[in-house]
Amino acid sequence: MNNATEDLGIHQGGSNRPTAQKPQLRVGTMVWGAVVLVLGVLLIIVRQTGLELDAGQTAMWLLLGAGVAMIAGGAVHLLRRK
């Protein structure tokens, strides 16, 4: 079998129906979704309360948290597969 048919879940010989596979949630999608959500919430809080946040420092902390979450999520996924 070649990789193109394996990726689609189609096996040569026999039926060409795709096999039913449970779609997996990607860690990166969840992390970047959380980053966008946190930015939106922070923006609303800052506008409503009049707080002043340093944009550079806020972005740095958000990116640090996103990186840690991606590494942790990847490690958990790797440990589950074994």
PDB file of N, CA and C in Angstrom:
ATOM      1  N   MET A   1       0.837  -1.189   0.000  1.00  0.00           N
ATOM      2  CA  MET A   1       0.000   0.000   0.000  1.00  0.00           C
ATOM      3  C   MET A   1       0.874   1.242   0.000  1.00  0.00           C
ATOM      4  N   ASN A   2       0.403   2.251  -0.658  1.00  0.00           N
ATOM      5  CA  ASN A   2       1.170   3.490  -0.607  1.00  0.00           C
ATOM      6  C   ASN A   2       0.606   4.406   0.466  1.00  0.00           C
ATOM      7  N   ASN A   3       1.365   5.420   0.808  1.00  0.00           N
ATOM      8  CA  ASN A   3       0.988   6.295   1.915  1.00  0.00           C
ATOM      9  C   ASN A   3      -0.278   7.094   1.627  1.00  0.00           C
ATOM     10  N   ALA A   4      -0.538   7.415   0.362  1.00  0.00           N
ATOM     11  CA  ALA A   4      -1.717   8.213   0.037  1.00  0.00           C
ATOM     12  C   ALA A   4      -2.992   7.454   0.382  1.00  0.00           C
ATOM     13  N   THR A   5      -3.046   6.167   0.069  1.00  0.00           N
ATOM     14  CA  THR A   5      -4.250   5.404   0.384  1.00  0.00           C
ATOM     15  C   THR A   5      -4.320   5.058   1.858  1.00  0.00           C
ATOM     16  N   GLU A   6      -3.185   4.899   2.517  1.00  0.00           N
ATOM     17  CA  GLU A   6      -3.196   4.622   3.947  1.00  0.00           C
ATOM     18  C   GLU A   6      -3.701   5.824   4.723  1.00  0.00           C
ATOM     19  N   ASP A   7      -3.304   7.034   4.300  1.00  0.00           N
ATOM     20  CA  ASP A   7      -3.731   8.242   4.987  1.00  0.00           C
ATOM     21  C   ASP A   7      -5.241   8.436   4.895  1.00  0.00           C
ATOM     22  N   LEU A   8      -5.834   7.978   3.800  1.00  0.00           N
ATOM     23  CA  LEU A   8      -7.274   8.119   3.631  1.00  0.00           C
ATOM     24  C   LEU A   8      -8.037   6.992   4.300  1.00  0.00           C
ATOM     25  N   GLY A   9      -7.342   6.003   4.787  1.00  0.00           N
ATOM     26  CA  GLY A   9      -8.000   4.885   5.426  1.00  0.00           C
ATOM     27  C   GLY A   9      -8.523   3.877   4.429  1.00  0.00           C
ATOM     28  N   ILE A  10      -8.007   3.907   3.184  1.00  0.00           N
ATOM     29  CA  ILE A  10      -8.447   2.993   2.142  1.00  0.00           C
ATOM     30  C   ILE A  10      -7.414   1.888   2.009  1.00  0.00           C
ATOM     31  N   HIS A  11      -7.884   0.670   2.035  1.00  0.00           N
ATOM     32  CA  HIS A  11      -6.982  -0.467   1.937  1.00  0.00           C
ATOM     33  C   HIS A  11      -7.145  -1.116   0.569  1.00  0.00           C
ATOM     34  N   GLN A  12      -6.045  -1.476  -0.058  1.00  0.00           N
ATOM     35  CA  GLN A  12      -6.105  -2.131  -1.352  1.00  0.00           C
ATOM     36  C   GLN A  12      -6.472  -3.590  -1.164  1.00  0.00           C
ATOM     37  N   GLY A  13      -7.178  -4.116  -2.113  1.00  0.00           N
ATOM     38  CA  GLY A  13      -7.622  -5.501  -2.006  1.00  0.00           C
ATOM     39  C   GLY A  13      -8.830  -5.555  -1.104  1.00  0.00           C
ATOM     40  N   GLY A  14      -9.941  -5.969  -1.626  1.00  0.00           N
ATOM     41  CA  GLY A  14     -11.137  -5.976  -0.802  1.00  0.00           C
ATOM     42  C   GLY A  14     -11.917  -4.700  -1.004  1.00  0.00           C
ATOM     43  N   SER A  15     -12.526  -4.240   0.013  1.00  0.00           N
ATOM     44  CA  SER A  15     -13.402  -3.072  -0.065  1.00  0.00           C
ATOM     45  C   SER A  15     -12.592  -1.782  -0.081  1.00  0.00           C
ATOM     46  N   ASN A  16     -13.051  -0.819  -0.870  1.00  0.00           N
ATOM     47  CA  ASN A  16     -12.402   0.496  -0.918  1.00  0.00           C
ATOM     48  C   ASN A  16     -13.132   1.512  -0.058  1.00  0.00           C
ATOM     49  N   ARG A  17     -13.944   1.048   0.873  1.00  0.00           N
ATOM     50  CA  ARG A  17     -14.638   1.976   1.752  1.00  0.00           C
ATOM     51  C   ARG A  17     -13.664   2.515   2.791  1.00  0.00           C
ATOM     52  N   PRO A  18     -13.747   3.816   3.083  1.00  0.00           N
ATOM     53  CA  PRO A  18     -12.878   4.353   4.140  1.00  0.00           C
ATOM     54  C   PRO A  18     -13.247   3.736   5.486  1.00  0.00           C
ATOM     55  N   THR A  19     -12.235   3.480   6.297  1.00  0.00           N
ATOM     56  CA  THR A  19     -12.499   2.939   7.630  1.00  0.00           C
ATOM     57  C   THR A  19     -12.941   4.067   8.545  1.00  0.00           C
ATOM     58  N   ALA A  20     -13.828   3.744   9.442  1.00  0.00           N
ATOM     59  CA  ALA A  20     -14.325   4.750  10.380  1.00  0.00           C
ATOM     60  C   ALA A  20     -13.279   4.976  11.462  1.00  0.00           C
ATOM     61  N   GLN A  21     -12.785   6.189  11.557  1.00  0.00           N
ATOM     62  CA  GLN A  21     -11.810   6.540  12.577  1.00  0.00           C
ATOM     63  C   GLN A  21     -12.343   7.704  13.376  1.00  0.00           C
ATOM     64  N   LYS A  22     -12.100   7.659  14.666  1.00  0.00           N
ATOM     65  CA  LYS A  22     -12.520   8.746  15.538  1.00  0.00           C
ATOM     66  C   LYS A  22     -11.601   9.949  15.308  1.00  0.00           C
ATOM     67  N   PRO A  23     -12.157  11.098  14.955  1.00  0.00           N
ATOM     68  CA  PRO A  23     -11.292  12.274  14.754  1.00  0.00           C
ATOM     69  C   PRO A  23     -10.634  12.682  16.068  1.00  0.00           C
ATOM     70  N   GLN A  24      -9.353  13.000  15.988  1.00  0.00           N
ATOM     71  CA  GLN A  24      -8.609  13.372  17.183  1.00  0.00           C
ATOM     72  C   GLN A  24      -8.517  14.881  17.292  1.00  0.00           C
ATOM     73  N   LEU A  25      -8.665  15.354  18.509  1.00  0.00           N
ATOM     74  CA  LEU A  25      -8.535  16.774  18.785  1.00  0.00           C
ATOM     75  C   LEU A  25      -7.059  17.123  18.856  1.00  0.00           C
ATOM     76  N   ARG A  26      -6.651  18.155  18.152  1.00  0.00           N
ATOM     77  CA  ARG A  26      -5.249  18.537  18.139  1.00  0.00           C
ATOM     78  C   ARG A  26      -4.965  19.514  19.270  1.00  0.00           C
ATOM     79  N   VAL A  27      -3.845  19.286  19.936  1.00  0.00           N
ATOM     80  CA  VAL A  27      -3.465  20.118  21.079  1.00  0.00           C
ATOM     81  C   VAL A  27      -3.268  21.572  20.643  1.00  0.00           C
ATOM     82  N   GLY A  28      -2.606  21.774  19.525  1.00  0.00           N
ATOM     83  CA  GLY A  28      -2.342  23.131  19.047  1.00  0.00           C
ATOM     84  C   GLY A  28      -3.615  23.927  18.808  1.00  0.00           C
ATOM     85  N   THR A  29      -4.629  23.272  18.277  1.00  0.00           N
ATOM     86  CA  THR A  29      -5.901  23.946  18.033  1.00  0.00           C
ATOM     87  C   THR A  29      -6.515  24.421  19.341  1.00  0.00           C
ATOM     88  N   MET A  30      -6.489  23.562  20.346  1.00  0.00           N
ATOM     89  CA  MET A  30      -7.042  23.934  21.649  1.00  0.00           C
ATOM     90  C   MET A  30      -6.248  25.073  22.293  1.00  0.00           C
ATOM     91  N   VAL A  31      -4.919  24.994  22.195  1.00  0.00           N
ATOM     92  CA  VAL A  31      -4.082  26.014  22.830  1.00  0.00           C
ATOM     93  C   VAL A  31      -4.290  27.370  22.169  1.00  0.00           C
ATOM     94  N   TRP A  32      -4.265  27.418  20.836  1.00  0.00           N
ATOM     95  CA  TRP A  32      -4.437  28.713  20.173  1.00  0.00           C
ATOM     96  C   TRP A  32      -5.853  29.244  20.346  1.00  0.00           C
ATOM     97  N   GLY A  33      -6.827  28.355  20.429  1.00  0.00           N
ATOM     98  CA  GLY A  33      -8.187  28.786  20.745  1.00  0.00           C
ATOM     99  C   GLY A  33      -8.254  29.415  22.127  1.00  0.00           C
ATOM    100  N   ALA A  34      -7.558  28.808  23.087  1.00  0.00           N
ATOM    101  CA  ALA A  34      -7.520  29.353  24.447  1.00  0.00           C
ATOM    102  C   ALA A  34      -6.813  30.708  24.472  1.00  0.00           C
ATOM    103  N   VAL A  35      -5.741  30.856  23.691  1.00  0.00           N
ATOM    104  CA  VAL A  35      -5.020  32.139  23.638  1.00  0.00           C
ATOM    105  C   VAL A  35      -5.941  33.236  23.100  1.00  0.00           C
ATOM    106  N   VAL A  36      -6.667  32.940  22.041  1.00  0.00           N
ATOM    107  CA  VAL A  36      -7.584  33.935  21.471  1.00  0.00           C
ATOM    108  C   VAL A  36      -8.686  34.269  22.472  1.00  0.00           C
ATOM    109  N   LEU A  37      -9.208  33.255  23.157  1.00  0.00           N
ATOM    110  CA  LEU A  37     -10.237  33.483  24.164  1.00  0.00           C
ATOM    111  C   LEU A  37      -9.725  34.367  25.300  1.00  0.00           C
ATOM    112  N   VAL A  38      -8.521  34.082  25.790  1.00  0.00           N
ATOM    113  CA  VAL A  38      -7.932  34.884  26.876  1.00  0.00           C
ATOM    114  C   VAL A  38      -7.709  36.323  26.414  1.00  0.00           C
ATOM    115  N   LEU A  39      -7.228  36.504  25.191  1.00  0.00           N
ATOM    116  CA  LEU A  39      -7.039  37.867  24.675  1.00  0.00           C
ATOM    117  C   LEU A  39      -8.363  38.623  24.620  1.00  0.00           C
ATOM    118  N   GLY A  40      -9.408  37.958  24.172  1.00  0.00           N
ATOM    119  CA  GLY A  40     -10.720  38.599  24.113  1.00  0.00           C
ATOM    120  C   GLY A  40     -11.233  38.984  25.487  1.00  0.00           C
ATOM    121  N   VAL A  41     -11.097  38.064  26.438  1.00  0.00           N
ATOM    122  CA  VAL A  41     -11.548  38.351  27.807  1.00  0.00           C
ATOM    123  C   VAL A  41     -10.727  39.489  28.414  1.00  0.00           C
ATOM    124  N   LEU A  42      -9.403  39.457  28.219  1.00  0.00           N
ATOM    125  CA  LEU A  42      -8.553  40.540  28.737  1.00  0.00           C
ATOM    126  C   LEU A  42      -8.934  41.891  28.127  1.00  0.00           C
ATOM    127  N   LEU A  43      -9.211  41.885  26.837  1.00  0.00           N
ATOM    128  CA  LEU A  43      -9.591  43.121  26.163  1.00  0.00           C
ATOM    129  C   LEU A  43     -10.885  43.684  26.758  1.00  0.00           C
ATOM    130  N   ILE A  44     -11.858  42.829  26.981  1.00  0.00           N
ATOM    131  CA  ILE A  44     -13.123  43.281  27.567  1.00  0.00           C
ATOM    132  C   ILE A  44     -12.909  43.799  28.986  1.00  0.00           C
ATOM    133  N   ILE A  45     -12.138  43.065  29.796  1.00  0.00           N
ATOM    134  CA  ILE A  45     -11.891  43.484  31.176  1.00  0.00           C
ATOM    135  C   ILE A  45     -11.158  44.816  31.227  1.00  0.00           C
ATOM    136  N   VAL A  46     -10.138  44.976  30.389  1.00  0.00           N
ATOM    137  CA  VAL A  46      -9.366  46.223  30.377  1.00  0.00           C
ATOM    138  C   VAL A  46     -10.248  47.402  29.972  1.00  0.00           C
ATOM    139  N   ARG A  47     -11.083  47.203  28.962  1.00  0.00           N
ATOM    140  CA  ARG A  47     -11.953  48.304  28.506  1.00  0.00           C
ATOM    141  C   ARG A  47     -13.015  48.649  29.540  1.00  0.00           C
ATOM    142  N   GLN A  48     -13.562  47.665  30.217  1.00  0.00           N
ATOM    143  CA  GLN A  48     -14.651  47.909  31.160  1.00  0.00           C
ATOM    144  C   GLN A  48     -14.159  48.480  32.497  1.00  0.00           C
ATOM    145  N   THR A  49     -12.965  48.074  32.928  1.00  0.00           N
ATOM    146  CA  THR A  49     -12.490  48.498  34.249  1.00  0.00           C
ATOM    147  C   THR A  49     -11.500  49.654  34.195  1.00  0.00           C
ATOM    148  N   GLY A  50     -10.976  49.949  33.029  1.00  0.00           N
ATOM    149  CA  GLY A  50     -10.015  51.036  32.916  1.00  0.00           C
ATOM    150  C   GLY A  50      -8.603  50.654  33.337  1.00  0.00           C
ATOM    151  N   LEU A  51      -8.337  49.359  33.472  1.00  0.00           N
ATOM    152  CA  LEU A  51      -6.981  48.911  33.814  1.00  0.00           C
ATOM    153  C   LEU A  51      -6.023  49.187  32.669  1.00  0.00           C
ATOM    154  N   GLU A  52      -4.758  49.317  33.022  1.00  0.00           N
ATOM    155  CA  GLU A  52      -3.736  49.494  31.993  1.00  0.00           C
ATOM    156  C   GLU A  52      -2.774  48.313  32.052  1.00  0.00           C
ATOM    157  N   LEU A  53      -2.672  47.585  30.950  1.00  0.00           N
ATOM    158  CA  LEU A  53      -1.749  46.455  30.853  1.00  0.00           C
ATOM    159  C   LEU A  53      -0.690  46.770  29.816  1.00  0.00           C
ATOM    160  N   ASP A  54       0.529  46.348  30.098  1.00  0.00           N
ATOM    161  CA  ASP A  54       1.606  46.476  29.128  1.00  0.00           C
ATOM    162  C   ASP A  54       1.398  45.409  28.057  1.00  0.00           C
ATOM    163  N   ALA A  55       1.178  45.830  26.820  1.00  0.00           N
ATOM    164  CA  ALA A  55       0.857  44.894  25.738  1.00  0.00           C
ATOM    165  C   ALA A  55       1.996  43.907  25.483  1.00  0.00           C
ATOM    166  N   GLY A  56       3.233  44.371  25.525  1.00  0.00           N
ATOM    167  CA  GLY A  56       4.374  43.491  25.285  1.00  0.00           C
ATOM    168  C   GLY A  56       4.507  42.417  26.344  1.00  0.00           C
ATOM    169  N   GLN A  57       4.378  42.799  27.579  1.00  0.00           N
ATOM    170  CA  GLN A  57       4.500  41.829  28.666  1.00  0.00           C
ATOM    171  C   GLN A  57       3.319  40.852  28.666  1.00  0.00           C
ATOM    172  N   THR A  58       2.138  41.346  28.369  1.00  0.00           N
ATOM    173  CA  THR A  58       0.970  40.469  28.294  1.00  0.00           C
ATOM    174  C   THR A  58       1.147  39.441  27.186  1.00  0.00           C
ATOM    175  N   ALA A  59       1.607  39.880  26.023  1.00  0.00           N
ATOM    176  CA  ALA A  59       1.845  38.956  24.905  1.00  0.00           C
ATOM    177  C   ALA A  59       2.919  37.939  25.254  1.00  0.00           C
ATOM    178  N   MET A  60       3.971  38.375  25.936  1.00  0.00           N
ATOM    179  CA  MET A  60       5.052  37.467  26.330  1.00  0.00           C
ATOM    180  C   MET A  60       4.524  36.368  27.247  1.00  0.00           C
ATOM    181  N   TRP A  61       3.730  36.722  28.245  1.00  0.00           N
ATOM    182  CA  TRP A  61       3.193  35.730  29.171  1.00  0.00           C
ATOM    183  C   TRP A  61       2.216  34.781  28.484  1.00  0.00           C
ATOM    184  N   LEU A  62       1.403  35.318  27.565  1.00  0.00           N
ATOM    185  CA  LEU A  62       0.479  34.458  26.827  1.00  0.00           C
ATOM    186  C   LEU A  62       1.223  33.460  25.948  1.00  0.00           C
ATOM    187  N   LEU A  63       2.266  33.910  25.271  1.00  0.00           N
ATOM    188  CA  LEU A  63       3.042  33.004  24.428  1.00  0.00           C
ATOM    189  C   LEU A  63       3.796  31.971  25.257  1.00  0.00           C
ATOM    190  N   LEU A  64       4.297  32.376  26.414  1.00  0.00           N
ATOM    191  CA  LEU A  64       4.956  31.425  27.304  1.00  0.00           C
ATOM    192  C   LEU A  64       3.964  30.349  27.757  1.00  0.00           C
ATOM    193  N   GLY A  65       2.786  30.767  28.165  1.00  0.00           N
ATOM    194  CA  GLY A  65       1.759  29.809  28.578  1.00  0.00           C
ATOM    195  C   GLY A  65       1.338  28.891  27.446  1.00  0.00           C
ATOM    196  N   ALA A  66       1.223  29.439  26.227  1.00  0.00           N
ATOM    197  CA  ALA A  66       0.861  28.618  25.068  1.00  0.00           C
ATOM    198  C   ALA A  66       1.941  27.585  24.777  1.00  0.00           C
ATOM    199  N   GLY A  67       3.191  27.982  24.861  1.00  0.00           N
ATOM    200  CA  GLY A  67       4.289  27.053  24.627  1.00  0.00           C
ATOM    201  C   GLY A  67       4.325  25.934  25.646  1.00  0.00           C
ATOM    202  N   VAL A  68       4.131  26.270  26.907  1.00  0.00           N
ATOM    203  CA  VAL A  68       4.109  25.250  27.966  1.00  0.00           C
ATOM    204  C   VAL A  68       2.935  24.296  27.752  1.00  0.00           C
ATOM    205  N   ALA A  69       1.772  24.840  27.393  1.00  0.00           N
ATOM    206  CA  ALA A  69       0.596  23.999  27.159  1.00  0.00           C
ATOM    207  C   ALA A  69       0.808  23.063  25.973  1.00  0.00           C
ATOM    208  N   MET A  70       1.452  23.541  24.906  1.00  0.00           N
ATOM    209  CA  MET A  70       1.703  22.682  23.743  1.00  0.00           C
ATOM    210  C   MET A  70       2.692  21.570  24.070  1.00  0.00           C
ATOM    211  N   ILE A  71       3.733  21.893  24.812  1.00  0.00           N
ATOM    212  CA  ILE A  71       4.710  20.868  25.197  1.00  0.00           C
ATOM    213  C   ILE A  71       4.053  19.834  26.114  1.00  0.00           C
ATOM    214  N   ALA A  72       3.280  20.295  27.074  1.00  0.00           N
ATOM    215  CA  ALA A  72       2.602  19.366  27.989  1.00  0.00           C
ATOM    216  C   ALA A  72       1.594  18.508  27.233  1.00  0.00           C
ATOM    217  N   GLY A  73       0.828  19.105  26.349  1.00  0.00           N
ATOM    218  CA  GLY A  73      -0.153  18.345  25.561  1.00  0.00           C
ATOM    219  C   GLY A  73       0.510  17.325  24.653  1.00  0.00           C
ATOM    220  N   GLY A  74       1.618  17.699  24.039  1.00  0.00           N
ATOM    221  CA  GLY A  74       2.349  16.755  23.193  1.00  0.00           C
ATOM    222  C   GLY A  74       2.927  15.605  23.994  1.00  0.00           C
ATOM    223  N   ALA A  75       3.421  15.904  25.194  1.00  0.00           N
ATOM    224  CA  ALA A  75       3.977  14.849  26.052  1.00  0.00           C
ATOM    225  C   ALA A  75       2.885  13.888  26.502  1.00  0.00           C
ATOM    226  N   VAL A  76       1.721  14.418  26.859  1.00  0.00           N
ATOM    227  CA  VAL A  76       0.609  13.560  27.268  1.00  0.00           C
ATOM    228  C   VAL A  76       0.169  12.672  26.108  1.00  0.00           C
ATOM    229  N   HIS A  77       0.088  13.243  24.917  1.00  0.00           N
ATOM    230  CA  HIS A  77      -0.304  12.463  23.733  1.00  0.00           C
ATOM    231  C   HIS A  77       0.723  11.367  23.451  1.00  0.00           C
ATOM    232  N   LEU A  78       1.988  11.680  23.579  1.00  0.00           N
ATOM    233  CA  LEU A  78       3.039  10.691  23.339  1.00  0.00           C
ATOM    234  C   LEU A  78       2.970   9.564  24.368  1.00  0.00           C
ATOM    235  N   LEU A  79       2.732   9.900  25.620  1.00  0.00           N
ATOM    236  CA  LEU A  79       2.644   8.876  26.666  1.00  0.00           C
ATOM    237  C   LEU A  79       1.404   8.005  26.513  1.00  0.00           C
ATOM    238  N   ARG A  80       0.309   8.586  26.016  1.00  0.00           N
ATOM    239  CA  ARG A  80      -0.911   7.799  25.798  1.00  0.00           C
ATOM    240  C   ARG A  80      -0.741   6.794  24.666  1.00  0.00           C
ATOM    241  N   ARG A  81       0.008   7.169  23.622  1.00  0.00           N
ATOM    242  CA  ARG A  81       0.182   6.290  22.468  1.00  0.00           C
ATOM    243  C   ARG A  81       0.995   5.060  22.792  1.00  0.00           C
ATOM    244  N   LYS A  82       1.865   5.153  23.767  1.00  0.00           N
ATOM    245  CA  LYS A  82       2.740   4.010  24.094  1.00  0.00           C
ATOM    246  C   LYS A  82       2.017   2.913  24.790  1.00  0.00           C
TER     247      LYS A  82
END
